C-alpha atoms as a PDB file:
ATOM      1  CA  MET A   1      31.084-141.030  13.054  1.00  0.00           C
ATOM      2  CA  SER A   2      30.868-138.977   9.510  1.00  0.00           C
ATOM      3  CA  PHE A   3      27.980-136.801  10.531  1.00  0.00           C
ATOM      4  CA  LEU A   4      30.099-135.916  13.578  1.00  0.00           C
ATOM      5  CA  ARG A   5      32.934-134.872  11.587  1.00  0.00           C
ATOM      6  CA  ASN A   6      31.042-132.837   9.190  1.00  0.00           C
ATOM      7  CA  ILE A   7      29.489-131.039  11.824  1.00  0.00           C
ATOM      8  CA  GLY A   8      32.700-130.346  13.779  1.00  0.00           C
ATOM      9  CA  GLY A   9      33.780-129.318   9.992  1.00  0.00           C
ATOM     10  CA  LEU A  10      31.006-127.234   8.980  1.00  0.00           C
ATOM     11  CA  PHE A  11      31.932-125.672  13.004  1.00  0.00           C
ATOM     12  CA  ILE A  12      35.367-124.498  11.587  1.00  0.00           C
ATOM     13  CA  LYS A  13      34.681-123.541   8.903  1.00  0.00           C
ATOM     14  CA  HIS A  14      31.878-120.809  10.287  1.00  0.00           C
ATOM     15  CA  TYR A  15      33.267-120.578  13.629  1.00  0.00           C
ATOM     16  CA  GLU A  16      33.189-116.499  13.229  1.00  0.00           C
ATOM     17  CA  LYS A  17      28.753-116.857  12.641  1.00  0.00           C
ATOM     18  CA  VAL A  18      28.680-119.479  15.334  1.00  0.00           C
ATOM     19  CA  ILE A  19      30.054-116.440  17.872  1.00  0.00           C
ATOM     20  CA  VAL A  20      28.068-114.151  16.564  1.00  0.00           C
ATOM     21  CA  ALA A  21      25.043-115.978  16.453  1.00  0.00           C
ATOM     22  CA  LEU A  22      25.942-117.097  20.495  1.00  0.00           C
ATOM     23  CA  ALA A  23      26.490-113.389  21.004  1.00  0.00           C
ATOM     24  CA  LEU A  24      23.068-112.411  19.817  1.00  0.00           C
ATOM     25  CA  VAL A  25      21.124-115.012  21.378  1.00  0.00           C
ATOM     26  CA  ALA A  26      23.429-113.383  24.863  1.00  0.00           C
ATOM     27  CA  PHE A  27      22.211-109.981  23.968  1.00  0.00           C
ATOM     28  CA  LEU A  28      18.545-111.286  23.625  1.00  0.00           C
ATOM     29  CA  GLY A  29      18.368-112.940  26.703  1.00  0.00           C
ATOM     30  CA  ALA A  30      19.930-109.641  28.644  1.00  0.00           C
ATOM     31  CA  VAL A  31      17.404-107.427  26.998  1.00  0.00           C
ATOM     32  CA  VAL A  32      14.742-109.717  28.218  1.00  0.00           C
ATOM     33  CA  TYR A  33      16.138-109.517  32.205  1.00  0.00           C
ATOM     34  CA  LEU A  34      16.134-106.453  31.770  1.00  0.00           C
ATOM     35  CA  TYR A  35      13.095-105.668  30.869  1.00  0.00           C
ATOM     36  CA  GLY A  36      11.656-108.254  33.298  1.00  0.00           C
ATOM     37  CA  VAL A  37      13.855-106.380  36.070  1.00  0.00           C
ATOM     38  CA  ARG A  38      12.502-102.833  34.906  1.00  0.00           C
ATOM     39  CA  GLN A  39       9.197-104.151  35.338  1.00  0.00           C
ATOM     40  CA  ALA A  40       9.377-105.351  38.819  1.00  0.00           C
ATOM     41  CA  GLU A  41      10.738-102.172  39.842  1.00  0.00           C
ATOM     42  CA  GLU A  42       8.216 -99.911  38.388  1.00  0.00           C
ATOM     43  CA  VAL A  43       5.827-102.247  40.576  1.00  0.00           C
ATOM     44  CA  LYS A  44       7.962-101.325  43.547  1.00  0.00           C
ATOM     45  CA  ILE A  45       7.993 -98.118  42.817  1.00  0.00           C
ATOM     46  CA  ARG A  46       4.134 -97.785  42.331  1.00  0.00           C
ATOM     47  CA  GLU A  47       3.545 -99.270  45.764  1.00  0.00           C
ATOM     48  CA  TYR A  48       5.904 -96.801  47.393  1.00  0.00           C
ATOM     49  CA  ASP A  49       4.110 -94.131  45.635  1.00  0.00           C
ATOM     50  CA  ARG A  50       0.894 -95.255  46.811  1.00  0.00           C
ATOM     51  CA  THR A  51       2.269 -96.155  50.651  1.00  0.00           C
ATOM     52  CA  VAL A  52       3.840 -92.841  50.987  1.00  0.00           C
ATOM     53  CA  LEU A  53       0.754 -90.832  50.227  1.00  0.00           C
ATOM     54  CA  LYS A  54      -1.370 -92.545  52.652  1.00  0.00           C
ATOM     55  CA  LYS A  55       0.779 -91.459  55.150  1.00  0.00           C
ATOM     56  CA  GLN A  56       0.565 -88.580  56.857  1.00  0.00           C
ATOM     57  CA  GLY A  57       3.475 -86.974  58.155  1.00  0.00           C
ATOM     58  CA  LYS A  58       4.068 -84.301  60.826  1.00  0.00           C
ATOM     59  CA  ALA A  59       3.667 -80.630  60.631  1.00  0.00           C
ATOM     60  CA  VAL A  60       6.913 -78.249  60.186  1.00  0.00           C
ATOM     61  CA  ALA A  61       6.990 -76.140  62.957  1.00  0.00           C
ATOM     62  CA  ALA A  62       6.164 -72.651  62.397  1.00  0.00           C
ATOM     63  CA  VAL A  63       9.548 -70.657  62.850  1.00  0.00           C
ATOM     64  CA  ASP A  64       9.508 -67.646  65.661  1.00  0.00           C
ATOM     65  CA  LEU A  65      10.730 -65.086  64.423  1.00  0.00           C
ATOM     66  CA  ALA A  66      10.059 -62.926  67.235  1.00  0.00           C
ATOM     67  CA  LEU A  67      13.287 -62.419  68.309  1.00  0.00           C
ATOM     68  CA  PHE A  68      14.707 -61.290  64.860  1.00  0.00           C
ATOM     69  CA  SER A  69      11.615 -58.954  64.655  1.00  0.00           C
ATOM     70  CA  ASN A  70      12.544 -56.798  67.565  1.00  0.00           C
ATOM     71  CA  ALA A  71      16.386 -56.666  66.805  1.00  0.00           C
ATOM     72  CA  LEU A  72      15.003 -55.170  63.338  1.00  0.00           C
ATOM     73  CA  GLU A  73      13.071 -52.648  64.886  1.00  0.00           C
ATOM     74  CA  LYS A  74      15.432 -51.606  67.905  1.00  0.00           C
ATOM     75  CA  ALA A  75      17.740 -51.143  64.636  1.00  0.00           C
ATOM     76  CA  LYS A  76      15.262 -48.781  63.322  1.00  0.00           C
ATOM     77  CA  ASN A  77      14.938 -46.815  66.042  1.00  0.00           C
ATOM     78  CA  PRO A  78      18.200 -46.758  67.917  1.00  0.00           C
ATOM     79  CA  PRO A  79      18.086 -45.258  71.306  1.00  0.00           C
ATOM     80  CA  ALA A  80      19.369 -41.328  71.410  1.00  0.00           C
ATOM     81  CA  LEU A  81      23.100 -41.145  72.842  1.00  0.00           C
ATOM     82  CA  ASP A  82      23.084 -39.301  76.034  1.00  0.00           C
ATOM     83  CA  PHE A  83      26.835 -37.704  76.960  1.00  0.00           C
ATOM     84  CA  GLY A  84      25.366 -35.513  79.214  1.00  0.00           C
ATOM     85  CA  LEU A  85      26.502 -36.173  83.060  1.00  0.00           C
ATOM     86  CA  PRO A  86      26.977 -38.808  84.896  1.00  0.00           C
ATOM     87  CA  HIS A  87      29.262 -39.629  81.483  1.00  0.00           C
ATOM     88  CA  TYR A  88      32.429 -37.562  81.636  1.00  0.00           C
ATOM     89  CA  ILE A  89      33.395 -38.545  78.002  1.00  0.00           C
ATOM     90  CA  PHE A  90      33.105 -35.474  76.875  1.00  0.00           C
ATOM     91  CA  ASN A  91      32.248 -33.546  80.033  1.00  0.00           C
ATOM     92  CA  SER A  92      35.088 -32.933  82.530  1.00  0.00           C
ATOM     93  CA  VAL A  93      34.067 -33.336  86.613  1.00  0.00           C
ATOM     94  CA  LYS A  94      33.363 -29.799  87.808  1.00  0.00           C
ATOM     95  CA  TRP A  95      34.101 -28.126  91.586  1.00  0.00           C
ATOM     96  CA  GLN A  96      31.543 -25.116  92.093  1.00  0.00           C
ATOM     97  CA  LYS A  97      32.689 -23.212  95.183  1.00  0.00           C
ATOM     98  CA  ARG A  98      29.890 -22.581  97.951  1.00  0.00           C
ATOM     99  CA  PRO A  99      29.269 -19.405  99.658  1.00  0.00           C
ATOM    100  CA  ASP A 100      31.570 -20.219 102.676  1.00  0.00           C
ATOM    101  CA  GLY A 101      34.365 -20.868 100.846  1.00  0.00           C
ATOM    102  CA  SER A 102      33.632 -25.189 100.714  1.00  0.00           C
ATOM    103  CA  TRP A 103      34.887 -27.095  97.749  1.00  0.00           C
ATOM    104  CA  MET A 104      31.285 -29.363  96.006  1.00  0.00           C
ATOM    105  CA  LYS A 105      31.742 -31.644  93.037  1.00  0.00           C
ATOM    106  CA  ILE A 106      29.457 -31.609  90.572  1.00  0.00           C
ATOM    107  CA  GLU A 107      28.828 -35.817  89.788  1.00  0.00           C
ATOM    108  CA  GLN A 108      25.369 -35.687  88.636  1.00  0.00           C
ATOM    109  CA  GLY A 109      24.210 -32.660  87.278  1.00  0.00           C
ATOM    110  CA  THR A 110      21.687 -32.072  90.146  1.00  0.00           C
ATOM    111  CA  GLU A 111      23.529 -30.969  92.787  1.00  0.00           C
ATOM    112  CA  VAL A 112      23.301 -26.876  91.961  1.00  0.00           C
ATOM    113  CA  GLY A 113      20.520 -25.621  89.244  1.00  0.00           C
ATOM    114  CA  GLY A 114      17.255 -26.102  89.183  1.00  0.00           C
ATOM    115  CA  ALA A 115      17.365 -29.828  90.343  1.00  0.00           C
ATOM    116  CA  ALA A 116      18.945 -28.914  93.583  1.00  0.00           C
ATOM    117  CA  MET A 117      15.938 -26.891  94.574  1.00  0.00           C
ATOM    118  CA  LYS A 118      13.497 -28.028  97.319  1.00  0.00           C
ATOM    119  CA  LEU A 119      10.000 -27.625  97.819  1.00  0.00           C
ATOM    120  CA  VAL A 120       9.227 -26.976 101.421  1.00  0.00           C
ATOM    121  CA  LYS A 121       5.264 -26.143 100.980  1.00  0.00           C
ATOM    122  CA  THR A 122       2.659 -24.845  98.970  1.00  0.00           C
ATOM    123  CA  THR A 123       0.344 -22.709 100.030  1.00  0.00           C
ATOM    124  CA  PRO A 124      -3.296 -22.414  98.617  1.00  0.00           C
ATOM    125  CA  LEU A 125      -4.251 -19.097  97.030  1.00  0.00           C
ATOM    126  CA  SER A 126      -8.039 -18.478  97.091  1.00  0.00           C
ATOM    127  CA  THR A 127     -10.981 -16.301  95.681  1.00  0.00           C
ATOM    128  CA  VAL A 128     -13.178 -15.118  98.637  1.00  0.00           C
ATOM    129  CA  ILE A 129     -16.262 -12.912  98.620  1.00  0.00           C
ATOM    130  CA  THR A 130     -17.519 -12.339 102.042  1.00  0.00           C
ATOM    131  CA  ILE A 131     -20.509 -10.055 103.834  1.00  0.00           C
ATOM    132  CA  ASP A 132     -19.119  -7.465 105.922  1.00  0.00           C
ATOM    133  CA  ARG A 133     -22.047  -6.017 107.257  1.00  0.00           C
ATOM    134  CA  PRO A 134     -25.637  -5.618 106.475  1.00  0.00           C
ATOM    135  CA  THR A 135     -27.217  -2.413 105.657  1.00  0.00           C
ATOM    136  CA  PRO A 136     -30.731  -1.000 104.715  1.00  0.00           C
ATOM    137  CA  GLY A 137     -31.502  -1.443 101.213  1.00  0.00           C
ATOM    138  CA  GLY A 138     -28.160  -3.200 100.403  1.00  0.00           C
ATOM    139  CA  LEU A 139     -24.316  -4.902 102.310  1.00  0.00           C
ATOM    140  CA  TYR A 140     -21.227  -4.144 102.305  1.00  0.00           C
ATOM    141  CA  MET A 141     -19.617  -6.920 100.744  1.00  0.00           C
ATOM    142  CA  GLY A 142     -15.557  -7.780 100.199  1.00  0.00           C
ATOM    143  CA  ALA A 143     -13.760  -9.639  98.109  1.00  0.00           C
ATOM    144  CA  VAL A 144     -10.001 -10.655  97.956  1.00  0.00           C
ATOM    145  CA  GLN A 145      -8.429 -12.337  95.037  1.00  0.00           C
ATOM    146  CA  GLU A 146      -5.267 -14.037  96.192  1.00  0.00           C
ATOM    147  CA  ALA A 147      -3.902 -15.427  92.819  1.00  0.00           C
ATOM    148  CA  SER A 148      -4.305 -12.213  91.278  1.00  0.00           C
ATOM    149  CA  THR A 149      -1.145 -10.830  89.399  1.00  0.00           C
ATOM    150  CA  ASN A 150      -2.000  -7.442  90.626  1.00  0.00           C
ATOM    151  CA  ALA A 151      -0.939  -6.682  93.994  1.00  0.00           C
ATOM    152  CA  GLY A 152      -3.612  -4.674  94.737  1.00  0.00           C
ATOM    153  CA  MET A 153      -6.369  -6.918  94.422  1.00  0.00           C
ATOM    154  CA  ARG A 154      -4.804  -9.411  96.614  1.00  0.00           C
ATOM    155  CA  ARG A 155      -6.151  -7.352  99.641  1.00  0.00           C
ATOM    156  CA  LYS A 156      -9.717  -7.022 100.490  1.00  0.00           C
ATOM    157  CA  ILE A 157     -11.874  -5.034  98.762  1.00  0.00           C
ATOM    158  CA  SER A 158     -15.578  -3.651 100.322  1.00  0.00           C
ATOM    159  CA  GLN A 159     -17.856  -2.107  98.653  1.00  0.00           C
ATOM    160  CA  TYR A 160     -21.532  -1.407  98.927  1.00  0.00           C
ATOM    161  CA  LEU A 161     -23.557  -3.128  97.067  1.00  0.00           C
ATOM    162  CA  SER A 162     -27.329  -3.159  96.819  1.00  0.00           C
ATOM    163  CA  THR A 163     -30.050  -5.367  94.425  1.00  0.00           C
ATOM    164  CA  ASN A 164     -32.246  -1.861  93.126  1.00  0.00           C
ATOM    165  CA  ASN A 165     -28.881  -1.115  91.252  1.00  0.00           C
ATOM    166  CA  GLN A 166     -27.930  -4.763  90.547  1.00  0.00           C
ATOM    167  CA  HIS A 167     -24.173  -3.491  91.542  1.00  0.00           C
ATOM    168  CA  THR A 168     -21.638  -5.581  89.391  1.00  0.00           C
ATOM    169  CA  THR A 169     -17.583  -6.192  90.629  1.00  0.00           C
ATOM    170  CA  LYS A 170     -15.140  -7.411  88.468  1.00  0.00           C
ATOM    171  CA  LEU A 171     -16.279 -10.935  90.346  1.00  0.00           C
ATOM    172  CA  PHE A 172     -19.705 -11.307  90.956  1.00  0.00           C
ATOM    173  CA  THR A 173     -23.443  -9.515  90.517  1.00  0.00           C
ATOM    174  CA  LEU A 174     -25.502  -9.148  93.994  1.00  0.00           C
ATOM    175  CA  ARG A 175     -28.835 -10.675  92.856  1.00  0.00           C
ATOM    176  CA  ASP A 176     -30.605 -11.143  95.374  1.00  0.00           C
ATOM    177  CA  ILE A 177     -30.994 -10.806  99.289  1.00  0.00           C
ATOM    178  CA  ARG A 178     -32.626 -13.127 101.644  1.00  0.00           C
ATOM    179  CA  GLY A 179     -32.907 -13.709 105.005  1.00  0.00           C
ATOM    180  CA  THR A 180     -33.441 -11.291 107.925  1.00  0.00           C
ATOM    181  CA  PRO A 181     -31.085  -8.065 108.473  1.00  0.00           C
ATOM    182  CA  GLU A 182     -29.718  -9.383 111.228  1.00  0.00           C
ATOM    183  CA  LYS A 183     -28.968 -12.922 109.207  1.00  0.00           C
ATOM    184  CA  PRO A 184     -28.789 -12.044 105.342  1.00  0.00           C
ATOM    185  CA  GLU A 185     -27.993 -14.413 102.702  1.00  0.00           C
ATOM    186  CA  ALA A 186     -26.897 -12.901  99.685  1.00  0.00           C
ATOM    187  CA  VAL A 187     -27.387 -14.578  96.196  1.00  0.00           C
ATOM    188  CA  VAL A 188     -24.569 -13.529  93.611  1.00  0.00           C
ATOM    189  CA  GLU A 189     -23.814 -14.264  90.353  1.00  0.00           C
ATOM    190  CA  LEU A 190     -19.815 -14.825  89.554  1.00  0.00           C
ATOM    191  CA  THR A 191     -18.576 -14.135  85.982  1.00  0.00           C
ATOM    192  CA  THR A 192     -18.870 -17.674  85.074  1.00  0.00           C
ATOM    193  CA  GLY A 193     -22.446 -18.002  85.149  1.00  0.00           C
ATOM    194  CA  GLU A 194     -22.381 -19.653  88.446  1.00  0.00           C
ATOM    195  CA  LYS A 195     -24.887 -18.464  91.580  1.00  0.00           C
ATOM    196  CA  VAL A 196     -23.767 -18.929  94.989  1.00  0.00           C
ATOM    197  CA  PRO A 197     -25.167 -18.230  98.073  1.00  0.00           C
ATOM    198  CA  ILE A 198     -23.227 -16.052 100.596  1.00  0.00           C
ATOM    199  CA  THR A 199     -23.944 -15.502 104.569  1.00  0.00           C
ATOM    200  CA  ILE A 200     -21.746 -14.202 106.993  1.00  0.00           C
ATOM    201  CA  ASP A 201     -20.715 -17.280 108.455  1.00  0.00           C
ATOM    202  CA  LYS A 202     -20.173 -18.599 105.093  1.00  0.00           C
ATOM    203  CA  PRO A 203     -18.198 -17.363 102.719  1.00  0.00           C
ATOM    204  CA  TYR A 204     -17.751 -17.887  99.383  1.00  0.00           C
ATOM    205  CA  THR A 205     -13.966 -19.718  99.183  1.00  0.00           C
ATOM    206  CA  GLN A 206     -12.533 -20.801  95.741  1.00  0.00           C
ATOM    207  CA  VAL A 207      -9.038 -22.322  95.487  1.00  0.00           C
ATOM    208  CA  GLU A 208      -7.638 -20.371  92.066  1.00  0.00           C
ATOM    209  CA  GLY A 209      -3.305 -21.271  92.573  1.00  0.00           C
ATOM    210  CA  PHE A 210      -0.935 -21.820  95.088  1.00  0.00           C
ATOM    211  CA  SER A 211       2.132 -20.051  96.164  1.00  0.00           C
ATOM    212  CA  ALA A 212       5.297 -22.105  96.964  1.00  0.00           C
ATOM    213  CA  ASP A 213       8.158 -22.094  99.171  1.00  0.00           C
ATOM    214  CA  LEU A 214      11.106 -22.900  98.264  1.00  0.00           C
ATOM    215  CA  GLN A 215      14.718 -23.717  99.689  1.00  0.00           C
ATOM    216  CA  TYR A 216      18.393 -23.695  97.709  1.00  0.00           C
ATOM    217  CA  PRO A 217      20.403 -25.699  99.966  1.00  0.00           C
ATOM    218  CA  PRO A 218      24.149 -25.301  98.158  1.00  0.00           C
ATOM    219  CA  GLU A 219      24.039 -21.392  98.962  1.00  0.00           C
ATOM    220  CA  ASN A 220      21.588 -21.632 101.666  1.00  0.00           C
ATOM    221  CA  GLN A 221      19.035 -19.628 100.330  1.00  0.00           C
ATOM    222  CA  SER A 222      15.079 -19.285 101.138  1.00  0.00           C
ATOM    223  CA  PHE A 223      12.423 -18.135  98.884  1.00  0.00           C
ATOM    224  CA  ASN A 224       9.341 -17.931 100.088  1.00  0.00           C
ATOM    225  CA  ASN A 225       5.541 -16.925  98.545  1.00  0.00           C
ATOM    226  CA  LYS A 226       6.692 -17.175  95.126  1.00  0.00           C
ATOM    227  CA  ARG A 227       4.059 -17.091  92.168  1.00  0.00           C
ATOM    228  CA  ALA A 228       3.876 -18.552  88.855  1.00  0.00           C
ATOM    229  CA  GLY A 229       5.822 -15.869  86.741  1.00  0.00           C
ATOM    230  CA  ASP A 230       8.447 -15.033  89.579  1.00  0.00           C
ATOM    231  CA  VAL A 231      11.969 -15.833  88.957  1.00  0.00           C
ATOM    232  CA  ILE A 232      14.099 -17.408  91.163  1.00  0.00           C
ATOM    233  CA  SER A 233      18.392 -16.372  91.106  1.00  0.00           C
ATOM    234  CA  VAL A 234      20.507 -19.599  92.086  1.00  0.00           C
ATOM    235  CA  GLY A 235      23.760 -21.050  91.329  1.00  0.00           C
ATOM    236  CA  GLY A 236      24.147 -18.334  88.653  1.00  0.00           C
ATOM    237  CA  GLU A 237      21.189 -19.143  86.751  1.00  0.00           C
ATOM    238  CA  ASP A 238      17.430 -17.201  86.769  1.00  0.00           C
ATOM    239  CA  TYR A 239      14.929 -19.844  86.522  1.00  0.00           C
ATOM    240  CA  ILE A 240      11.030 -18.576  85.959  1.00  0.00           C
ATOM    241  CA  ILE A 241       8.443 -20.522  87.662  1.00  0.00           C
ATOM    242  CA  VAL A 242       6.511 -21.892  84.992  1.00  0.00           C
ATOM    243  CA  ALA A 243       3.651 -23.286  87.359  1.00  0.00           C
ATOM    244  CA  ILE A 244       3.027 -24.057  90.663  1.00  0.00           C
ATOM    245  CA  THR A 245       0.337 -27.293  91.920  1.00  0.00           C
ATOM    246  CA  GLU A 246      -0.635 -28.625  95.349  1.00  0.00           C
ATOM    247  CA  ASN A 247       2.558 -30.981  95.308  1.00  0.00           C
ATOM    248  CA  GLU A 248       5.274 -29.586  92.692  1.00  0.00           C
ATOM    249  CA  VAL A 249       6.444 -26.435  90.672  1.00  0.00           C
ATOM    250  CA  VAL A 250       7.915 -26.459  87.403  1.00  0.00           C
ATOM    251  CA  VAL A 251      10.881 -24.198  86.683  1.00  0.00           C
ATOM    252  CA  SER A 252      12.300 -23.042  83.327  1.00  0.00           C
ATOM    253  CA  ALA A 253      16.034 -21.831  82.983  1.00  0.00           C
ATOM    254  CA  ARG A 254      16.121 -18.690  81.374  1.00  0.00           C
ATOM    255  CA  SER A 255      19.463 -19.407  79.271  1.00  0.00           C
ATOM    256  CA  ASN A 256      17.721 -23.197  77.381  1.00  0.00           C
ATOM    257  CA  ASN A 257      14.175 -22.781  78.399  1.00  0.00           C
ATOM    258  CA  ARG A 258      14.968 -26.339  80.089  1.00  0.00           C
ATOM    259  CA  ARG A 259      12.100 -27.202  82.192  1.00  0.00           C
ATOM    260  CA  THR A 260      12.718 -28.686  85.970  1.00  0.00           C
ATOM    261  CA  THR A 261       9.946 -30.977  87.952  1.00  0.00           C
ATOM    262  CA  ILE A 262      10.444 -30.029  92.149  1.00  0.00           C
ATOM    263  CA  ARG A 263       8.374 -32.245  94.141  1.00  0.00           C
ATOM    264  CA  LYS A 264       7.966 -32.004  97.255  1.00  0.00           C
END
């Protein structure tokens, strides 16, 4: 009993030291516990990393930027603004008086002028070389250049040619005469260097251009046998015929050089 009393006395006398000692023991226990927990967490982390690295994730799909790229390209090259007819923001509606006194509303801009012309037909313009008649020692040969700008060359010109003098025209040179006097065959060399045979029944023909017949319905006008270079006046405007092909005519307004194609 005395021993217990002594211990009790020592505890009461040194209780601060006892509390400090117990606190140190608790602290050491906490340190050991936390160290164990840390080791366990490190094991879990290593295992997680190993598992994640082995997994093959789904590839990320590529982003389709085509829509945005197209929009960007359109923004770089914006379309030109056209405030011409049939837009009326800056263009008032026009009314034009016909020759008969009636009025015509101009809504599209194609009701008058070059765009209102109609192509009725085109006619081939040919270069034709013929044997008109044979003579002793030569031939009378004719030539027509329907597409010539010289009106005189559009009529048939006939002249005597022989091979002895190698007569030359602006179109060809007579190189040889074959066959019989009744049915001669002439071999001519064109200015291009090409040699072609010609008989009385089979002349040389080559299409060199076209003439055109046109109509202008708003004023009931007709323009026949027009050629490239001719000028047509319609709707108060002069139009120069720039070109004629088998199926179309191209005209150019003299005031602004604006071209219009008229098709059949």
